[in-house]
């Protein structure tokens, strides 16, 4: 039989295991892996920086349920890729980082880019290994894929020395394990399902919180059926948006703080009581709040607040169990209660405040005025990538989502710089949908060169929108080079001109009247377009009851 190289075996094994997307920066010794991945039909995207490539790989894992791969050279390249591994670890998304390494016979000799790569990856990896021979590569690939998608999803690392990649072996000696099946959807005990429903019925002020775990589990049909059946108010976490459409009559996002602070029972559907939900603790929550917790990971149950009922398993399967129990014994939360009266009042108050801010025609513009026009031009099924401090926080409330897994942002790790890589991943996975990458000027700067990557691969369904306030949290309109504030960037920087490097179009907007024409023109472009919108450095979120970070 024919001889296979290690690079060929890696590519064949990844394809066998259902990997469809690879992102990276090639160089010694990983170039042949990328070449053979393309030959196997894996879509390879050559990035300008491994960090952005790793963010794309993690996003693919969330969007598809199978890990995306980040391919990096040894040493510095692999270290850059750790960024996406950490992001996947925090968000519980499947991805694989493949790092090249020095030839194994040179270990300890000070080889080119020699580094303790497995040890470096291990804190963020569910699985980290180096194949012990070329012929055993498929075994390690299957192990890595299975580790990323079984149980709580996460990241894996494969360390590939140059002599393993270039090594050859007769095809007859290589065993390719069958495709690792999708993980089984584990169920909760029926007595716990019944206890959960009894707890919900006993609550005066119940609240359902829908997290990105429900989105990852593809539980949207079951969750929507549950909400409609029970008529319970629900609040999505940022990337839980769209599991149930934001315009659903039972959505209470505009009353978020009021709902969290006053609910007496919370049903967590694939959401964690971490910093995003203020740990479930006072002053953001009632000190006596009761918790029903649905989570794939047993160790997450009771974290920060004890769970009255634990439903350990797959969010889609468990919500289906809840629906089955409700079908046998229907129950609805009443439409007219003091709880609903308070929620609706707060929704109306906040809506009026936001409407006033969106109507402000001042120059320079505010975030709210910009988002007023932007959201009118975004199709209902568009994928929204949103990052930056205020850009993201305000965007979470003003940019509606109607479908699951149609919002990507800084996530549980609060990672700035993820946006452009995530937008490329979304555009690659969903070439039939519009992708809007809405970023602050600081966030865009982390990986702005990747707009060339998007254009190079014909991802013309992306529109990049930069909300520019001259710095991190805003900067001055003029700079004294001798005393540049730590948070300031070049005033009125013309980031839209970066579109010219790939023959695209950029638009510079300073006044409200210019915004709609720029958005229309950007949508009509045949290459990824950049709309750079100047806003006031003083523009902030609407007045908040609490500081953004609970202490």
Protein backbone atom coordinates (compact mmCIF):
# COMPACT_ATOMS: atom_id res chain seq x y z
CA UNK A 1 0.00 0.00 0.00
CA UNK A 2 0.98 3.66 -0.31
CA UNK A 3 2.96 5.47 2.32
CA UNK A 4 1.32 8.31 4.25
CA UNK A 5 3.06 11.24 5.89
CA UNK A 6 2.12 12.43 9.34
CA UNK A 7 0.61 15.56 7.80
CA UNK A 8 -1.64 13.46 5.56
CA UNK A 9 -2.69 11.33 8.51
CA UNK A 10 -3.54 14.40 10.62
CA UNK A 11 -5.72 15.81 7.85
CA UNK A 12 -7.48 12.49 7.14
CA UNK A 13 -8.07 11.87 10.84
CA UNK A 14 -9.55 15.33 11.41
CA UNK A 15 -11.86 14.95 8.44
CA UNK A 16 -12.88 11.48 9.64
CA UNK A 17 -13.82 13.00 13.01
CA UNK A 18 -16.09 15.62 11.48
CA UNK A 19 -13.77 18.63 11.58
CA UNK A 20 -14.70 21.00 8.75
CA UNK A 21 -12.89 24.27 9.56
CA UNK A 22 -9.25 25.10 10.26
CA UNK A 23 -7.76 28.54 10.96
CA UNK A 24 -4.15 29.44 11.47
CA UNK A 25 -0.81 30.87 10.41
CA UNK A 26 1.42 28.40 8.59
CA UNK A 27 5.16 27.97 8.89
CA UNK A 28 7.68 25.30 9.84
CA UNK A 29 6.70 22.55 10.63
CA UNK A 30 2.91 22.74 10.06
CA UNK A 31 2.67 23.88 6.41
CA UNK A 32 1.95 20.38 5.05
CA UNK A 33 -0.90 19.89 7.54
CA UNK A 34 -2.72 22.90 6.08
CA UNK A 35 -2.05 21.73 2.51
CA UNK A 36 -3.40 18.23 3.16
CA UNK A 37 -6.33 19.57 5.18
CA UNK A 38 -7.42 21.48 2.07
CA UNK A 39 -6.99 18.35 -0.04
CA UNK A 40 -9.27 16.47 2.37
CA UNK A 41 -11.96 19.12 1.97
CA UNK A 42 -11.38 20.92 5.25
CA UNK A 43 -11.88 24.68 4.80
CA UNK A 44 -8.59 26.35 5.74
CA UNK A 45 -8.37 30.07 6.50
CA UNK A 46 -4.90 31.58 6.71
CA UNK A 47 -4.94 34.36 9.29
CA UNK A 48 -2.55 37.20 10.06
CA UNK A 49 -2.25 36.26 13.73
CA UNK A 50 -2.80 33.01 15.60
CA UNK A 51 -4.74 34.76 18.35
CA UNK A 52 -7.57 35.78 16.02
CA UNK A 53 -7.42 32.36 14.34
CA UNK A 54 -7.90 30.67 17.70
CA UNK A 55 -10.93 32.85 18.46
CA UNK A 56 -12.41 31.78 15.11
CA UNK A 57 -11.82 28.11 15.88
CA UNK A 58 -13.61 28.43 19.21
CA UNK A 59 -16.54 30.25 17.61
CA UNK A 60 -16.91 27.46 15.04
CA UNK A 61 -17.19 24.98 17.90
CA UNK A 62 -20.09 26.96 19.36
CA UNK A 63 -21.80 27.48 16.02
CA UNK A 64 -21.53 23.91 14.74
CA UNK A 65 -21.12 21.63 17.76
CA UNK A 66 -17.91 20.13 16.32
CA UNK A 67 -14.52 21.61 17.18
CA UNK A 68 -12.85 24.13 14.94
CA UNK A 69 -9.08 23.76 14.68
CA UNK A 70 -6.45 26.43 15.15
CA UNK A 71 -3.16 25.48 13.49
CA UNK A 72 -0.05 27.19 14.84
CA UNK A 73 3.68 26.92 14.47
CA UNK A 74 5.82 25.96 17.44
CA UNK A 75 6.78 28.25 20.31
CA UNK A 76 5.44 31.79 19.83
CA UNK A 77 2.72 30.72 17.41
CA UNK A 78 1.40 28.09 19.77
CA UNK A 79 1.51 30.57 22.66
CA UNK A 80 -0.59 33.02 20.64
CA UNK A 81 -3.12 30.25 20.09
CA UNK A 82 -3.53 29.77 23.82
CA UNK A 83 -5.74 32.89 23.78
CA UNK A 84 -8.51 31.08 21.94
CA UNK A 85 -8.06 27.97 24.08
CA UNK A 86 -8.62 30.05 27.20
CA UNK A 87 -11.67 31.67 25.63
CA UNK A 88 -13.07 28.24 24.73
CA UNK A 89 -12.32 26.98 28.24
CA UNK A 90 -14.24 29.84 29.84
CA UNK A 91 -17.17 29.66 27.41
CA UNK A 92 -17.33 25.84 27.32
CA UNK A 93 -16.91 25.68 23.55
CA UNK A 94 -15.21 22.83 21.64
CA UNK A 95 -11.98 23.63 19.80
CA UNK A 96 -8.62 22.03 19.11
CA UNK A 97 -5.31 23.83 19.05
CA UNK A 98 -2.66 22.01 17.02
CA UNK A 99 0.83 23.24 17.68
CA UNK A 100 3.89 22.31 15.72
CA UNK A 101 6.95 21.45 17.78
CA UNK A 102 10.65 20.90 17.31
CA UNK A 103 11.79 17.46 16.17
CA UNK A 104 11.47 15.12 19.12
CA UNK A 105 15.12 13.98 19.00
CA UNK A 106 16.17 17.60 19.68
CA UNK A 107 14.27 17.94 22.96
CA UNK A 108 16.35 19.69 25.59
CA UNK A 109 18.97 20.87 23.12
CA UNK A 110 17.60 24.37 22.67
CA UNK A 111 15.90 23.56 19.39
CA UNK A 112 14.27 26.20 17.17
CA UNK A 113 11.20 27.52 19.04
CA UNK A 114 11.45 24.74 21.63
CA UNK A 115 8.99 25.38 24.45
CA UNK A 116 7.05 23.47 27.16
CA UNK A 117 3.91 23.51 25.01
CA UNK A 118 1.89 20.70 26.56
CA UNK A 119 2.45 22.13 30.02
CA UNK A 120 1.47 25.58 28.78
CA UNK A 121 -1.77 24.33 27.26
CA UNK A 122 -2.84 22.04 30.07
CA UNK A 123 -4.56 24.59 32.40
CA UNK A 124 -7.05 25.42 29.63
CA UNK A 125 -7.33 21.99 28.02
CA UNK A 126 -9.60 19.06 28.74
CA UNK A 127 -7.05 16.98 26.85
CA UNK A 128 -3.43 17.70 25.95
CA UNK A 129 -1.14 15.14 24.35
CA UNK A 130 1.72 14.46 21.94
CA UNK A 131 1.33 11.45 19.61
CA UNK A 132 4.00 8.85 20.35
CA UNK A 133 4.32 7.79 16.70
CA UNK A 134 3.18 8.82 13.26
CA UNK A 135 0.94 5.80 12.83
CA UNK A 136 -0.91 6.50 16.09
CA UNK A 137 -1.94 10.07 15.16
CA UNK A 138 -5.59 9.10 14.43
CA UNK A 139 -5.99 7.70 17.94
CA UNK A 140 -4.96 11.02 19.47
CA UNK A 141 -7.13 13.04 17.07
CA UNK A 142 -10.21 11.00 18.02
CA UNK A 143 -9.39 11.42 21.70
CA UNK A 144 -9.06 15.17 21.28
CA UNK A 145 -12.34 15.53 19.40
CA UNK A 146 -14.22 13.39 21.90
CA UNK A 147 -12.82 15.34 24.84
CA UNK A 148 -13.96 18.65 23.36
CA UNK A 149 -17.61 17.65 22.82
CA UNK A 150 -18.37 15.14 25.60
CA UNK A 151 -19.50 16.33 29.03
CA UNK A 152 -18.89 20.04 29.44
CA UNK A 153 -17.44 21.14 26.08
CA UNK A 154 -14.00 22.66 26.02
CA UNK A 155 -10.60 22.80 24.35
CA UNK A 156 -7.98 20.19 23.49
CA UNK A 157 -4.35 20.52 22.49
CA UNK A 158 -2.29 18.29 20.19
CA UNK A 159 1.48 18.76 20.12
CA UNK A 160 3.04 17.62 16.82
CA UNK A 161 6.83 17.45 16.51
CA UNK A 162 8.29 18.06 13.08
CA UNK A 163 9.54 14.49 12.73
CA UNK A 164 6.02 13.17 13.47
CA UNK A 165 4.56 15.48 10.81
CA UNK A 166 7.12 14.52 8.15
CA UNK A 167 7.42 10.90 9.22
CA UNK A 168 6.03 8.22 6.91
CA UNK A 169 4.24 4.96 7.51
CA UNK A 170 2.62 2.39 5.29
CA UNK A 171 -1.11 3.00 4.99
CA UNK A 172 -1.81 -0.57 6.09
CA UNK A 173 -0.38 0.19 9.53
CA UNK A 174 -2.64 3.16 10.19
CA UNK A 175 -5.99 2.64 11.89
CA UNK A 176 -8.49 5.47 11.56
CA UNK A 177 -11.11 5.21 14.35
CA UNK A 178 -14.71 5.76 13.25
CA UNK A 179 -16.18 9.22 13.63
CA UNK A 180 -16.80 10.01 17.26
CA UNK A 181 -20.60 10.27 17.50
CA UNK A 182 -22.31 13.35 18.86
CA UNK A 183 -22.55 13.10 22.65
CA UNK A 184 -25.62 11.38 24.07
CA UNK A 185 -28.25 13.72 25.46
CA UNK A 186 -28.40 12.83 29.13
CA UNK A 187 -31.67 13.08 31.07
CA UNK A 188 -32.54 14.09 34.61
CA UNK A 189 -34.35 11.73 37.01
CA UNK A 190 -38.12 12.12 36.65
CA UNK A 191 -38.55 12.82 40.34
CA UNK A 192 -36.31 15.88 39.89
CA UNK A 193 -38.38 17.03 36.91
CA UNK A 194 -41.51 16.83 39.06
CA UNK A 195 -39.79 18.64 41.94
CA UNK A 196 -38.72 21.42 39.57
CA UNK A 197 -42.26 21.97 38.33
CA UNK A 198 -43.64 21.93 41.86
CA UNK A 199 -41.06 24.54 42.86
CA UNK A 200 -42.05 26.74 39.90
CA UNK A 201 -45.73 26.47 40.83
CA UNK A 202 -44.95 27.53 44.40
CA UNK A 203 -43.06 30.68 43.39
CA UNK A 204 -44.67 34.13 43.53
CA UNK A 205 -42.05 35.84 41.37
CA UNK A 206 -40.50 33.19 39.09
CA UNK A 207 -37.95 33.95 36.39
CA UNK A 208 -36.41 31.79 33.67
CA UNK A 209 -32.83 32.67 32.70
CA UNK A 210 -31.80 31.26 29.32
CA UNK A 211 -28.06 30.88 28.86
CA UNK A 212 -25.75 30.11 25.97
CA UNK A 213 -25.63 26.53 27.21
CA UNK A 214 -29.20 26.18 25.96
CA UNK A 215 -28.14 27.74 22.66
CA UNK A 216 -25.19 25.34 22.33
CA UNK A 217 -27.47 22.39 23.08
CA UNK A 218 -29.78 23.36 20.18
CA UNK A 219 -32.60 23.59 22.71
CA UNK A 220 -34.42 26.52 21.11
CA UNK A 221 -37.52 24.58 20.04
CA UNK A 222 -37.92 22.98 23.46
CA UNK A 223 -37.26 26.21 25.39
CA UNK A 224 -39.73 28.20 23.29
CA UNK A 225 -42.35 25.49 23.82
CA UNK A 226 -41.69 25.57 27.58
CA UNK A 227 -41.97 29.37 27.79
CA UNK A 228 -45.19 29.36 25.75
CA UNK A 229 -46.66 26.57 27.85
CA UNK A 230 -45.84 28.08 31.26
CA UNK A 231 -46.14 31.78 30.34
CA UNK A 232 -43.16 32.49 32.59
CA UNK A 233 -41.13 35.69 32.19
CA UNK A 234 -37.69 34.98 30.77
CA UNK A 235 -34.36 36.76 30.62
CA UNK A 236 -31.60 35.68 28.21
CA UNK A 237 -27.92 36.01 28.99
CA UNK A 238 -26.00 37.88 26.27
CA UNK A 239 -25.36 34.82 24.11
CA UNK A 240 -28.57 33.17 25.24
CA UNK A 241 -30.34 35.85 23.19
CA UNK A 242 -32.38 34.38 20.35
CA UNK A 243 -33.07 30.98 21.90
CA UNK A 244 -36.44 32.61 22.41
CA UNK A 245 -36.83 35.69 20.17
CA UNK A 246 -36.12 39.02 21.83
CA UNK A 247 -39.49 40.33 20.68
CA UNK A 248 -41.40 37.54 22.43
CA UNK A 249 -44.14 39.02 24.69
CA UNK A 250 -42.70 37.24 27.74
CA UNK A 251 -39.18 38.67 27.28
CA UNK A 252 -38.26 41.02 30.11
CA UNK A 253 -34.69 42.06 29.20
CA UNK A 254 -35.43 45.81 29.57
CA UNK A 255 -36.29 45.10 33.22
CA UNK A 256 -33.18 42.98 33.86
CA UNK A 257 -31.99 44.54 37.13
CA UNK A 258 -35.50 44.67 38.57
CA UNK A 259 -36.17 41.05 37.59
CA UNK A 260 -32.96 39.70 39.10
CA UNK A 261 -33.28 41.69 42.30
CA UNK A 262 -36.88 40.76 42.99
CA UNK A 263 -37.33 37.22 41.70
CA UNK A 264 -37.95 34.66 44.44
CA UNK A 265 -37.15 31.66 42.21
CA UNK A 266 -34.86 31.38 39.21
CA UNK A 267 -34.78 28.55 36.69
CA UNK A 268 -31.31 28.50 35.12
CA UNK A 269 -31.46 26.89 31.67
CA UNK A 270 -27.83 26.45 30.66
CA UNK A 271 -26.69 29.60 32.46
CA UNK A 272 -24.08 29.87 35.21
CA UNK A 273 -24.18 32.09 38.29
CA UNK A 274 -20.85 33.66 37.44
CA UNK A 275 -19.92 37.34 37.15
CA UNK A 276 -22.31 37.87 34.21
CA UNK A 277 -25.19 37.00 36.54
CA UNK A 278 -23.57 38.67 39.56
CA UNK A 279 -22.95 35.30 41.24
CA UNK A 280 -26.63 35.05 42.17
CA UNK A 281 -25.88 37.09 45.28
CA UNK A 282 -27.14 40.31 46.91
CA UNK A 283 -27.44 43.16 46.13
CA UNK A 284 -28.26 42.02 42.58
CA UNK A 285 -30.39 39.07 43.74
CA UNK A 286 -32.80 38.47 46.59
CA UNK A 287 -30.75 36.94 49.44
CA UNK A 288 -33.34 34.16 49.74
CA UNK A 289 -33.67 33.39 46.03
CA UNK A 290 -34.41 29.77 45.22
CA UNK A 291 -32.63 28.13 42.29
CA UNK A 292 -33.55 25.35 39.88
CA UNK A 293 -30.43 24.60 37.90
CA UNK A 294 -30.10 22.85 34.53
CA UNK A 295 -26.46 22.20 33.64
CA UNK A 296 -24.43 19.58 31.79
CA UNK A 297 -21.70 19.66 34.45
CA UNK A 298 -22.47 18.20 37.91
CA UNK A 299 -19.71 20.31 39.47
CA UNK A 300 -21.52 23.50 38.40
CA UNK A 301 -24.59 22.67 40.49
CA UNK A 302 -24.84 24.87 43.56
CA UNK A 303 -21.93 27.10 42.58
CA UNK A 304 -22.30 30.37 44.56
CA UNK A 305 -25.97 29.66 45.45
CA UNK A 306 -27.27 26.24 46.56
CA UNK A 307 -29.65 24.63 44.08
CA UNK A 308 -33.06 23.63 45.43
CA UNK A 309 -33.47 21.28 42.45
CA UNK A 310 -30.59 20.00 40.32
CA UNK A 311 -31.28 18.87 36.76
CA UNK A 312 -27.94 17.56 35.55
CA UNK A 313 -27.80 16.79 31.86
CA UNK A 314 -28.40 18.10 28.37
CA UNK A 315 -30.47 21.29 28.22
CA UNK A 316 -32.42 20.17 25.15
CA UNK A 317 -33.28 16.77 26.62
CA UNK A 318 -34.18 18.10 30.06
CA UNK A 319 -36.37 20.89 28.70
CA UNK A 320 -38.14 18.24 26.61
CA UNK A 321 -38.73 16.32 29.85
CA UNK A 322 -40.24 19.42 31.44
CA UNK A 323 -42.50 19.83 28.42
CA UNK A 324 -43.58 16.20 28.58
CA UNK A 325 -44.50 16.56 32.24
CA UNK A 326 -46.42 19.77 31.48
CA UNK A 327 -48.34 18.05 28.70
CA UNK A 328 -49.59 15.50 31.23
CA UNK A 329 -50.38 18.12 33.86
CA UNK A 330 -50.68 21.59 32.25
CA UNK A 331 -49.86 24.68 34.31
CA UNK A 332 -49.44 28.36 33.49
CA UNK A 333 -48.16 31.27 35.51
CA UNK A 334 -51.00 33.83 35.76
CA UNK A 335 -50.89 36.77 33.37
CA UNK A 336 -52.10 39.27 35.98
CA UNK A 337 -49.92 39.34 39.08
CA UNK A 338 -48.09 41.99 41.04
CA UNK A 339 -44.89 40.45 39.66
CA UNK A 340 -45.95 41.08 36.07
CA UNK A 341 -47.20 44.55 36.99
CA UNK A 342 -43.79 45.48 38.36
CA UNK A 343 -41.94 43.98 35.40
CA UNK A 344 -44.10 45.75 32.83
CA UNK A 345 -43.78 49.06 34.63
CA UNK A 346 -39.99 48.81 34.65
CA UNK A 347 -39.95 47.76 30.97
CA UNK A 348 -42.02 50.85 30.06
CA UNK A 349 -39.82 53.17 32.12
CA UNK A 350 -36.58 51.90 30.61
CA UNK A 351 -38.02 51.89 27.09
CA UNK A 352 -38.98 55.56 27.46
CA UNK A 353 -35.49 56.47 28.68
CA UNK A 354 -33.83 54.64 25.81
CA UNK A 355 -36.21 56.12 23.22
CA UNK A 356 -35.28 59.62 24.37
CA UNK A 357 -31.57 58.84 24.10
CA UNK A 358 -31.99 57.33 20.65
CA UNK A 359 -33.80 60.44 19.45
CA UNK A 360 -30.90 62.74 20.35
CA UNK A 361 -29.54 64.30 17.14
CA UNK A 362 -26.50 65.90 18.77
CA UNK A 363 -23.13 65.97 17.03
CA UNK A 364 -20.98 64.10 17.83
CA UNK A 365 -23.46 61.26 18.14
CA UNK A 366 -24.10 58.94 21.08
CA UNK A 367 -24.04 55.15 21.09
CA UNK A 368 -27.83 55.15 21.26
CA UNK A 369 -28.26 57.34 18.20
CA UNK A 370 -25.90 55.13 16.21
CA UNK A 371 -27.67 51.93 17.22
CA UNK A 372 -31.04 53.43 16.27
CA UNK A 373 -30.09 53.37 12.60
CA UNK A 374 -27.86 50.30 12.68
CA UNK A 375 -30.52 47.99 14.01
CA UNK A 376 -32.97 49.10 11.30
CA UNK A 377 -30.59 47.82 8.63
CA UNK A 378 -29.86 44.43 10.16
CA UNK A 379 -31.95 41.56 8.76
CA UNK A 380 -33.91 39.50 11.26
CA UNK A 381 -31.71 36.43 10.67
CA UNK A 382 -28.37 38.27 10.70
CA UNK A 383 -25.54 37.11 12.94
CA UNK A 384 -24.37 39.90 15.23
CA UNK A 385 -20.79 39.96 16.50
CA UNK A 386 -20.48 42.68 19.13
CA UNK A 387 -17.50 43.68 21.24
CA UNK A 388 -16.01 46.62 23.04
CA UNK A 389 -16.88 47.89 26.50
CA UNK A 390 -19.85 50.23 26.09
CA UNK A 391 -20.26 49.20 22.44
CA UNK A 392 -20.99 45.65 23.56
CA UNK A 393 -22.94 46.44 26.73
CA UNK A 394 -25.28 48.83 24.96
CA UNK A 395 -25.44 46.56 21.92
CA UNK A 396 -26.71 43.71 24.10
CA UNK A 397 -29.82 45.73 24.87
CA UNK A 398 -30.33 47.53 21.54
CA UNK A 399 -29.42 44.82 19.00
CA UNK A 400 -32.23 42.24 19.02
CA UNK A 401 -31.68 38.56 18.24
CA UNK A 402 -34.40 36.25 16.99
CA UNK A 403 -32.53 32.99 16.42
CA UNK A 404 -30.23 30.91 18.61
CA UNK A 405 -26.45 31.16 18.11
CA UNK A 406 -26.83 34.42 16.21
CA UNK A 407 -24.90 36.54 18.71
CA UNK A 408 -21.19 36.33 19.50
CA UNK A 409 -19.35 38.62 21.91
CA UNK A 410 -16.67 38.76 24.61
CA UNK A 411 -18.44 36.01 26.52
CA UNK A 412 -17.67 34.53 29.91
CA UNK A 413 -13.95 35.39 29.70
CA UNK A 414 -14.67 39.03 28.82
CA UNK A 415 -12.17 38.73 25.98
CA UNK A 416 -11.53 41.84 23.91
CA UNK A 417 -10.23 41.24 20.39
CA UNK A 418 -12.45 38.25 19.59
CA UNK A 419 -14.77 40.06 17.20
CA UNK A 420 -13.11 39.95 13.78
CA UNK A 421 -12.10 36.29 14.16
CA UNK A 422 -15.59 35.39 15.31
CA UNK A 423 -17.11 37.27 12.38
CA UNK A 424 -14.95 35.30 9.94
CA UNK A 425 -16.03 32.06 11.60
CA UNK A 426 -19.70 33.03 11.42
CA UNK A 427 -19.44 34.08 7.78
CA UNK A 428 -17.69 30.82 6.89
CA UNK A 429 -20.25 28.63 8.67
CA UNK A 430 -23.24 30.67 7.43
CA UNK A 431 -22.35 32.02 3.97
CA UNK A 432 -26.06 32.58 3.31
CA UNK A 433 -26.47 35.05 6.18
CA UNK A 434 -25.36 38.60 6.80
CA UNK A 435 -22.77 39.03 9.54
CA UNK A 436 -22.50 42.40 11.29
CA UNK A 437 -19.28 42.86 13.25
CA UNK A 438 -19.97 45.87 15.48
CA UNK A 439 -16.90 46.93 17.43
CA UNK A 440 -15.47 49.70 19.49
CA UNK A 441 -12.32 51.26 18.06
CA UNK A 442 -10.24 49.63 20.78
CA UNK A 443 -11.72 46.17 20.18
CA UNK A 444 -11.25 46.48 16.42
CA UNK A 445 -7.61 47.33 16.88
CA UNK A 446 -6.76 43.95 18.40
CA UNK A 447 -7.21 42.13 15.11
CA UNK A 448 -8.16 44.71 12.50
CA UNK A 449 -5.76 43.28 9.90
CA UNK A 450 -7.98 40.21 9.71
CA UNK A 451 -10.39 42.22 7.55
CA UNK A 452 -7.94 41.39 4.76
CA UNK A 453 -8.36 37.72 5.66
CA UNK A 454 -12.13 38.04 5.31
CA UNK A 455 -11.77 39.65 1.89
CA UNK A 456 -9.15 37.16 0.69
CA UNK A 457 -11.57 34.29 1.27
CA UNK A 458 -14.51 36.06 -0.31
CA UNK A 459 -16.50 36.49 2.89
CA UNK A 460 -18.45 39.34 1.41
CA UNK A 461 -21.39 38.80 3.75
CA UNK A 462 -19.56 40.68 6.55
CA UNK A 463 -20.07 44.36 7.32
CA UNK A 464 -17.64 45.82 9.87
CA UNK A 465 -19.04 48.72 11.91
CA UNK A 466 -16.65 50.61 14.17
CA UNK A 467 -18.12 52.86 16.85
CA UNK A 468 -15.18 55.17 17.40
CA UNK A 469 -14.72 57.31 20.51
CA UNK A 470 -10.95 57.82 20.17
CA UNK A 471 -9.86 55.36 22.81
CA UNK A 472 -10.66 52.93 25.59
CA UNK A 473 -13.71 54.47 27.21
CA UNK A 474 -13.20 57.59 25.10
CA UNK A 475 -10.25 59.80 24.26
CA UNK A 476 -9.57 63.47 23.49
CA UNK A 477 -10.20 65.11 20.11
CA UNK A 478 -6.59 66.32 20.05
CA UNK A 479 -3.42 64.76 21.45
CA UNK A 480 -0.28 66.28 22.91
CA UNK A 481 2.38 63.73 21.83
CA UNK A 482 4.31 64.50 25.00
CA UNK A 483 1.37 63.57 27.25
CA UNK A 484 -0.78 60.88 25.66
CA UNK A 485 -3.38 59.55 28.13
CA UNK A 486 -3.05 55.77 28.69
CA UNK A 487 -6.50 55.12 27.23
CA UNK A 488 -6.27 57.43 24.20
CA UNK A 489 -5.89 56.47 20.55
CA UNK A 490 -5.30 58.63 17.48
CA UNK A 491 -8.23 61.06 17.30
CA UNK A 492 -10.57 60.58 14.36
CA UNK A 493 -8.48 57.67 13.08
CA UNK A 494 -9.61 56.68 9.59
CA UNK A 495 -9.95 52.94 10.18
CA UNK A 496 -12.32 52.63 7.23
CA UNK A 497 -9.37 53.16 4.88
CA UNK A 498 -8.19 49.67 5.78
CA UNK A 499 -10.87 48.47 3.35
CA UNK A 500 -8.77 49.88 0.54
CA UNK A 501 -6.01 47.28 1.08
CA UNK A 502 -8.27 44.63 -0.44
CA UNK A 503 -10.19 46.78 -2.90
CA UNK A 504 -13.16 47.25 -0.61
CA UNK A 505 -15.00 50.36 0.44
CA UNK A 506 -14.87 52.32 3.66
CA UNK A 507 -17.23 54.96 4.98
CA UNK A 508 -16.44 57.70 7.51
CA UNK A 509 -19.48 59.00 9.40
CA UNK A 510 -19.55 62.02 11.71
CA UNK A 511 -23.18 63.18 11.59
CA UNK A 512 -26.55 61.40 11.91
CA UNK A 513 -27.58 62.30 8.34
CA UNK A 514 -24.55 60.44 6.96
CA UNK A 515 -25.22 57.19 8.79
CA UNK A 516 -28.07 55.65 6.79
CA UNK A 517 -26.50 56.31 3.37
CA UNK A 518 -23.24 54.76 4.61
CA UNK A 519 -25.00 51.65 5.90
CA UNK A 520 -26.95 51.27 2.65
CA UNK A 521 -23.77 51.58 0.60
CA UNK A 522 -21.92 49.12 2.83
CA UNK A 523 -24.67 46.54 2.42
CA UNK A 524 -24.44 46.92 -1.35
CA UNK A 525 -20.67 46.30 -1.48
CA UNK A 526 -19.29 43.18 -3.13
CA UNK A 527 -16.46 42.98 -0.58
CA UNK A 528 -16.43 43.28 3.22
CA UNK A 529 -17.10 46.95 3.97
CA UNK A 530 -16.03 49.09 6.93
CA UNK A 531 -18.22 51.84 8.37
CA UNK A 532 -16.26 54.01 10.82
CA UNK A 533 -18.63 56.11 12.96
CA UNK A 534 -17.35 58.89 15.19
CA UNK A 535 -19.23 59.39 18.45
CA UNK A 536 -18.81 61.57 21.49
CA UNK A 537 -16.09 60.48 23.89
CA UNK A 538 -18.54 61.33 26.68
CA UNK A 539 -21.27 58.97 25.47
CA UNK A 540 -22.08 56.31 28.05
CA UNK A 541 -24.76 53.79 28.98
CA UNK A 542 -28.03 55.06 30.36
CA UNK A 543 -27.96 55.60 34.15
CA UNK A 544 -27.53 52.28 35.94
CA UNK A 545 -28.77 51.24 39.37
CA UNK A 546 -25.60 49.23 39.98
CA UNK A 547 -22.00 49.35 38.81
CA UNK A 548 -21.40 46.92 35.94
CA UNK A 549 -19.09 44.71 38.02
CA UNK A 550 -20.57 43.39 41.25
CA UNK A 551 -18.24 43.71 44.23
